[in-house]
Amino acid sequence: MEELNKENVKNALDDLFESALEYKKSPEYLKFINFLTTFKQYSLFNASLVYAQMRGARYVLPAKQWKEKYKRTLKPNAQPLVLLRPMGPVMFCFDVSQTEGGYLPREIENPFFISGELPSKAYTNLVSSSLKNGLEIIELSLGSTLAGFVENVDDPKHKKIAELVSGRKKYITYKNKEVELFARIAVNSNYIKVVNFPTIVHEIAHILCGHLGPWEGWPNRSNLDKTIEEFEAESVTYLVCKRIGINTFSEKYLSEYLDNHSLIPNVSIDLIVKSAQTIERWIKQK
């Protein structure tokens, strides 16, 4: 057991130091810092270890505490996160996404709470239309604070989805036709469709607004400030979801920004509207 503990610590520390190289990039640094500020139940170093091993982790406890505090048990094949124990060797902990059973407060169980009812076939139509147009939607088991992300299949810097699914080809068959993929969107398989739907809309908005580069007549705006990119994507998400009866955190994001800034970022209103119209059309296509 001692040898096992040493090996787990070594692997966790290796992951942490390797990831530290990415933290020097401002977007990654901001994500890292934000994570540490919300992970208050453990030391900053242990929070860093959690981030290195599962960036979407939300709430981490040892298996015994999950059972005693929340009457929850581990899911089959749950992978432990290695943390350093105060005045001791290591402890093995698990994120809430790796457990099942008893009731949890909403902020722990589902930080992406969505209200409203998803219209019939809206989700399947959007997934199908996306694939038809060269955007593949993939469900992956992600940490509980990671709703999803998007990757350009030709960008050598972003191959996380391909690595997680043991490699993915650039071409895929859709209704007996070969489709060339431009991007893949990963959504959290631990969440239901009404939660994943706004995530898909948000990531498609990034593509249509040109944040991943030029595609199918859409412009190349890949060098924009991240604030502009997120404001545009959240605006599209708000428009699409609100118009079909879903209330999302996009409204909160936009409201908080406008409360703290006298002007909106230098966004393209034209592209926001056109992107929302395109996604609405995809939702209605069969």
Protein backbone atom coordinates (compact mmCIF):
# COMPACT_ATOMS: atom_id res chain seq x y z
CA MET A 1 0.00 0.00 0.00
CA GLU A 2 2.88 2.35 0.78
CA GLU A 3 4.33 1.83 -2.70
CA LEU A 4 0.89 2.44 -4.22
CA ASN A 5 0.57 5.68 -2.25
CA LYS A 6 3.98 6.89 -3.41
CA GLU A 7 3.15 6.12 -7.04
CA ASN A 8 -0.18 7.95 -6.84
CA VAL A 9 1.46 10.99 -5.26
CA LYS A 10 4.17 11.01 -7.92
CA ASN A 11 1.62 10.83 -10.74
CA ALA A 12 -0.52 13.59 -9.20
CA LEU A 13 2.48 15.87 -8.71
CA ASP A 14 3.71 15.18 -12.24
CA ASP A 15 0.28 16.21 -13.56
CA LEU A 16 0.35 19.36 -11.46
CA PHE A 17 3.80 20.50 -12.58
CA GLU A 18 3.07 19.68 -16.21
CA SER A 19 -0.14 21.69 -16.03
CA ALA A 20 1.71 24.57 -14.37
CA LEU A 21 3.39 25.29 -17.69
CA GLU A 22 -0.03 26.14 -19.11
CA TYR A 23 -0.92 28.49 -16.25
CA LYS A 24 1.47 31.10 -17.63
CA LYS A 25 -1.00 31.66 -20.45
CA SER A 26 -3.48 34.24 -19.18
CA PRO A 27 -6.72 32.36 -20.04
CA GLU A 28 -5.47 29.18 -18.33
CA TYR A 29 -4.18 31.18 -15.40
CA LEU A 30 -7.57 32.82 -14.91
CA LYS A 31 -9.33 29.44 -14.98
CA PHE A 32 -6.84 28.08 -12.47
CA ILE A 33 -7.20 31.03 -10.09
CA ASN A 34 -11.00 30.99 -10.29
CA PHE A 35 -10.99 27.29 -9.45
CA LEU A 36 -8.83 27.83 -6.38
CA THR A 37 -11.09 30.58 -5.05
CA THR A 38 -14.13 28.26 -5.09
CA PHE A 39 -12.38 25.19 -3.64
CA LYS A 40 -12.25 26.41 -0.05
CA GLN A 41 -12.57 23.11 1.82
CA TYR A 42 -8.96 22.17 1.07
CA SER A 43 -5.56 23.88 1.08
CA LEU A 44 -4.46 25.77 -2.01
CA PHE A 45 -1.92 23.07 -2.78
CA ASN A 46 -4.52 20.29 -2.53
CA ALA A 47 -6.92 22.37 -4.63
CA SER A 48 -4.14 22.62 -7.21
CA LEU A 49 -3.76 18.84 -7.17
CA VAL A 50 -7.50 18.43 -7.74
CA TYR A 51 -7.37 20.89 -10.66
CA ALA A 52 -4.49 19.00 -12.24
CA GLN A 53 -6.36 15.69 -12.03
CA MET A 54 -9.96 16.83 -12.75
CA ARG A 55 -10.41 20.41 -13.89
CA GLY A 56 -14.18 20.26 -13.72
CA ALA A 57 -14.32 19.02 -10.12
CA ARG A 58 -16.90 20.73 -7.96
CA TYR A 59 -16.93 19.15 -4.51
CA VAL A 60 -14.47 16.53 -3.32
CA LEU A 61 -14.65 14.22 -0.30
CA PRO A 62 -13.30 10.81 0.74
CA ALA A 63 -15.71 7.92 0.13
CA LYS A 64 -16.41 7.56 3.87
CA GLN A 65 -17.51 11.18 4.19
CA TRP A 66 -19.72 10.95 1.11
CA LYS A 67 -21.50 8.05 2.82
CA GLU A 68 -21.71 9.62 6.28
CA LYS A 69 -22.67 13.18 5.29
CA TYR A 70 -24.80 12.62 2.19
CA LYS A 71 -25.58 8.88 2.14
CA ARG A 72 -23.91 8.61 -1.26
CA THR A 73 -21.84 5.75 -2.65
CA LEU A 74 -19.22 5.66 -5.39
CA LYS A 75 -20.20 4.92 -8.97
CA PRO A 76 -18.66 1.83 -10.57
CA ASN A 77 -15.08 2.47 -11.75
CA ALA A 78 -14.89 5.83 -9.96
CA GLN A 79 -11.32 7.09 -10.19
CA PRO A 80 -9.83 8.51 -6.96
CA LEU A 81 -8.20 11.92 -6.77
CA VAL A 82 -5.00 11.96 -4.74
CA LEU A 83 -4.64 14.68 -2.09
CA LEU A 84 -2.00 15.16 0.60
CA ARG A 85 -3.28 14.44 4.11
CA PRO A 86 -2.34 16.94 6.85
CA MET A 87 0.35 15.38 9.05
CA GLY A 88 0.10 12.16 7.07
CA PRO A 89 0.68 10.48 3.66
CA VAL A 90 -2.19 10.77 1.19
CA MET A 91 -5.97 10.51 1.03
CA PHE A 92 -8.12 9.34 -1.85
CA CYS A 93 -11.09 11.56 -2.63
CA PHE A 94 -13.90 11.60 -5.18
CA ASP A 95 -15.76 14.39 -6.93
CA VAL A 96 -19.54 14.61 -6.57
CA SER A 97 -19.87 13.56 -10.24
CA GLN A 98 -18.36 10.20 -9.26
CA THR A 99 -21.01 9.47 -6.61
CA GLU A 100 -24.69 8.54 -6.52
CA GLY A 101 -27.41 8.16 -3.92
CA GLY A 102 -28.70 10.66 -1.38
CA TYR A 103 -29.98 14.21 -1.79
CA LEU A 104 -27.50 17.05 -2.31
CA PRO A 105 -27.91 20.83 -2.17
CA ARG A 106 -28.47 22.20 -5.67
CA GLU A 107 -25.21 24.15 -5.75
CA ILE A 108 -23.25 20.91 -5.26
CA GLU A 109 -25.31 18.51 -7.32
CA ASN A 110 -26.01 20.76 -10.30
CA PRO A 111 -24.20 24.11 -10.55
CA PHE A 112 -25.67 24.58 -14.06
CA PHE A 113 -29.30 24.55 -12.93
CA ILE A 114 -31.68 25.39 -15.76
CA SER A 115 -35.38 26.22 -15.50
CA GLY A 116 -37.96 25.76 -18.22
CA GLU A 117 -38.98 22.89 -20.47
CA LEU A 118 -37.07 21.91 -23.58
CA PRO A 119 -39.39 21.73 -26.62
CA SER A 120 -39.94 18.30 -28.12
CA LYS A 121 -37.15 17.19 -30.50
CA ALA A 122 -35.24 20.47 -30.02
CA TYR A 123 -32.20 18.64 -28.65
CA THR A 124 -32.12 15.82 -31.20
CA ASN A 125 -32.74 18.25 -34.07
CA LEU A 126 -29.87 20.48 -32.95
CA VAL A 127 -27.48 17.52 -32.60
CA SER A 128 -28.51 16.13 -35.97
CA SER A 129 -28.28 19.51 -37.75
CA SER A 130 -24.90 20.14 -36.17
CA LEU A 131 -23.52 16.84 -37.46
CA LYS A 132 -24.99 17.48 -40.90
CA ASN A 133 -23.03 20.73 -40.97
CA GLY A 134 -19.75 19.23 -39.77
CA LEU A 135 -20.03 19.71 -36.00
CA GLU A 136 -19.98 16.53 -33.91
CA ILE A 137 -21.56 16.48 -30.43
CA ILE A 138 -19.92 14.01 -28.04
CA GLU A 139 -21.02 13.16 -24.50
CA LEU A 140 -18.14 12.71 -22.04
CA SER A 141 -18.08 12.19 -18.30
CA LEU A 142 -16.70 15.52 -17.11
CA GLY A 143 -16.32 17.04 -13.66
CA SER A 144 -19.38 18.66 -12.17
CA THR A 145 -18.31 22.26 -12.87
CA LEU A 146 -17.37 21.63 -16.51
CA ALA A 147 -20.43 21.86 -18.76
CA GLY A 148 -18.55 21.34 -22.01
CA PHE A 149 -16.10 22.77 -24.52
CA VAL A 150 -15.42 22.96 -28.27
CA GLU A 151 -12.37 22.12 -30.38
CA ASN A 152 -11.43 22.79 -33.98
CA VAL A 153 -10.39 19.38 -35.36
CA ASP A 154 -7.50 20.97 -37.29
CA ASP A 155 -6.06 22.89 -34.35
CA PRO A 156 -2.99 20.98 -33.12
CA LYS A 157 -3.13 22.83 -29.79
CA HIS A 158 -6.54 21.42 -28.91
CA LYS A 159 -6.85 17.66 -29.04
CA LYS A 160 -8.44 16.94 -25.66
CA ILE A 161 -11.62 15.36 -27.08
CA ALA A 162 -9.66 13.17 -29.47
CA GLU A 163 -7.45 12.01 -26.61
CA LEU A 164 -10.41 11.27 -24.34
CA VAL A 165 -12.12 9.13 -26.96
CA SER A 166 -8.93 7.43 -28.16
CA GLY A 167 -8.70 9.40 -31.37
CA ARG A 168 -11.37 10.60 -33.75
CA LYS A 169 -11.36 10.72 -37.53
CA LYS A 170 -11.93 13.96 -39.41
CA TYR A 171 -14.70 12.42 -41.52
CA ILE A 172 -17.91 10.85 -40.25
CA THR A 173 -20.92 9.27 -41.91
CA TYR A 174 -24.24 11.07 -41.66
CA LYS A 175 -27.27 9.48 -43.35
CA ASN A 176 -25.02 7.50 -45.72
CA LYS A 177 -23.03 10.60 -46.66
CA GLU A 178 -19.46 11.38 -45.69
CA VAL A 179 -19.22 14.63 -43.75
CA GLU A 180 -15.97 16.51 -43.12
CA LEU A 181 -15.84 17.71 -39.53
CA PHE A 182 -14.83 21.23 -38.60
CA ALA A 183 -15.22 20.95 -34.83
CA ARG A 184 -16.25 18.68 -31.98
CA ILE A 185 -18.32 19.80 -29.02
CA ALA A 186 -18.07 17.87 -25.76
CA VAL A 187 -20.96 18.02 -23.28
CA ASN A 188 -21.16 16.53 -19.80
CA SER A 189 -22.84 13.12 -19.85
CA ASN A 190 -23.65 13.53 -16.14
CA TYR A 191 -26.25 16.18 -17.00
CA ILE A 192 -29.66 15.87 -18.63
CA LYS A 193 -30.50 17.27 -22.05
CA VAL A 194 -32.10 20.51 -20.83
CA VAL A 195 -28.80 21.34 -19.11
CA ASN A 196 -26.57 20.31 -22.02
CA PHE A 197 -28.71 22.11 -24.61
CA PRO A 198 -27.53 25.65 -23.69
CA THR A 199 -23.95 24.37 -23.61
CA ILE A 200 -24.24 23.13 -27.20
CA VAL A 201 -25.81 26.44 -28.27
CA HIS A 202 -23.02 28.36 -26.53
CA GLU A 203 -20.25 26.37 -28.23
CA ILE A 204 -21.91 26.57 -31.66
CA ALA A 205 -22.14 30.33 -31.12
CA HIS A 206 -18.36 30.45 -30.68
CA ILE A 207 -18.01 28.71 -34.05
CA LEU A 208 -20.51 30.87 -35.94
CA CYS A 209 -19.08 34.08 -34.51
CA GLY A 210 -15.69 33.09 -35.93
CA HIS A 211 -13.91 32.48 -32.63
CA LEU A 212 -12.42 29.19 -33.88
CA GLY A 213 -11.42 30.54 -37.28
CA PRO A 214 -13.14 30.77 -40.69
CA TRP A 215 -15.82 28.19 -41.50
CA GLU A 216 -18.45 27.80 -44.20
CA GLY A 217 -18.64 31.51 -45.04
CA TRP A 218 -18.48 32.64 -41.41
CA PRO A 219 -15.62 35.09 -40.66
CA ASN A 220 -12.28 34.51 -38.99
CA ARG A 221 -12.31 36.35 -35.67
CA SER A 222 -10.02 34.00 -33.75
CA ASN A 223 -7.87 36.79 -32.31
CA LEU A 224 -10.61 38.53 -30.35
CA ASP A 225 -10.33 39.32 -26.67
CA LYS A 226 -11.85 36.50 -24.59
CA THR A 227 -14.29 38.92 -22.99
CA ILE A 228 -15.75 39.73 -26.40
CA GLU A 229 -15.94 36.06 -27.35
CA GLU A 230 -17.79 35.11 -24.17
CA PHE A 231 -20.14 38.09 -24.36
CA GLU A 232 -21.09 37.18 -27.92
CA ALA A 233 -21.56 33.48 -27.14
CA GLU A 234 -23.61 34.22 -24.01
CA SER A 235 -25.74 36.69 -25.97
CA VAL A 236 -26.52 34.08 -28.62
CA THR A 237 -27.29 31.49 -25.94
CA TYR A 238 -29.60 33.89 -24.14
CA LEU A 239 -31.47 34.76 -27.34
CA VAL A 240 -31.94 31.17 -28.51
CA CYS A 241 -32.85 29.67 -25.15
CA LYS A 242 -35.09 32.49 -23.96
CA ARG A 243 -37.07 32.38 -27.20
CA ILE A 244 -37.86 28.68 -26.73
CA GLY A 245 -38.68 29.01 -23.03
CA ILE A 246 -35.46 28.08 -21.20
CA ASN A 247 -33.90 30.31 -18.56
CA THR A 248 -30.12 29.90 -18.36
CA PHE A 249 -27.16 31.47 -16.59
CA SER A 250 -26.52 33.53 -19.73
CA GLU A 251 -29.00 36.09 -18.46
CA LYS A 252 -27.15 36.34 -15.14
CA TYR A 253 -23.79 36.65 -16.92
CA LEU A 254 -25.01 39.45 -19.17
CA SER A 255 -26.79 41.26 -16.33
CA GLU A 256 -23.73 41.19 -14.08
CA TYR A 257 -21.51 42.47 -16.89
CA LEU A 258 -23.85 45.34 -17.71
CA ASP A 259 -24.21 46.21 -14.01
CA ASN A 260 -20.46 46.66 -13.77
CA HIS A 261 -19.69 48.28 -17.14
CA SER A 262 -21.15 51.39 -18.69
CA LEU A 263 -20.62 50.02 -22.21
CA ILE A 264 -20.81 46.55 -23.71
CA PRO A 265 -17.62 45.12 -25.28
CA ASN A 266 -16.92 45.81 -28.93
CA VAL A 267 -19.07 42.91 -30.12
CA SER A 268 -20.70 42.27 -33.49
CA ILE A 269 -24.45 42.68 -33.04
CA ASP A 270 -24.91 41.52 -36.63
CA LEU A 271 -23.12 38.22 -36.00
CA ILE A 272 -24.93 37.66 -32.71
CA VAL A 273 -28.30 37.95 -34.44
CA LYS A 274 -27.27 35.91 -37.49
CA SER A 275 -25.81 33.16 -35.28
CA ALA A 276 -28.97 32.97 -33.19
CA GLN A 277 -31.12 32.80 -36.34
CA THR A 278 -28.96 30.00 -37.75
CA ILE A 279 -29.19 27.93 -34.57
CA GLU A 280 -32.94 28.47 -34.42
CA ARG A 281 -33.19 27.16 -37.96
CA TRP A 282 -31.12 24.10 -37.04
CA ILE A 283 -33.40 23.42 -34.06
CA LYS A 284 -36.44 23.35 -36.34
CA GLN A 285 -34.86 21.17 -39.04
CA LYS A 286 -35.70 17.47 -38.97
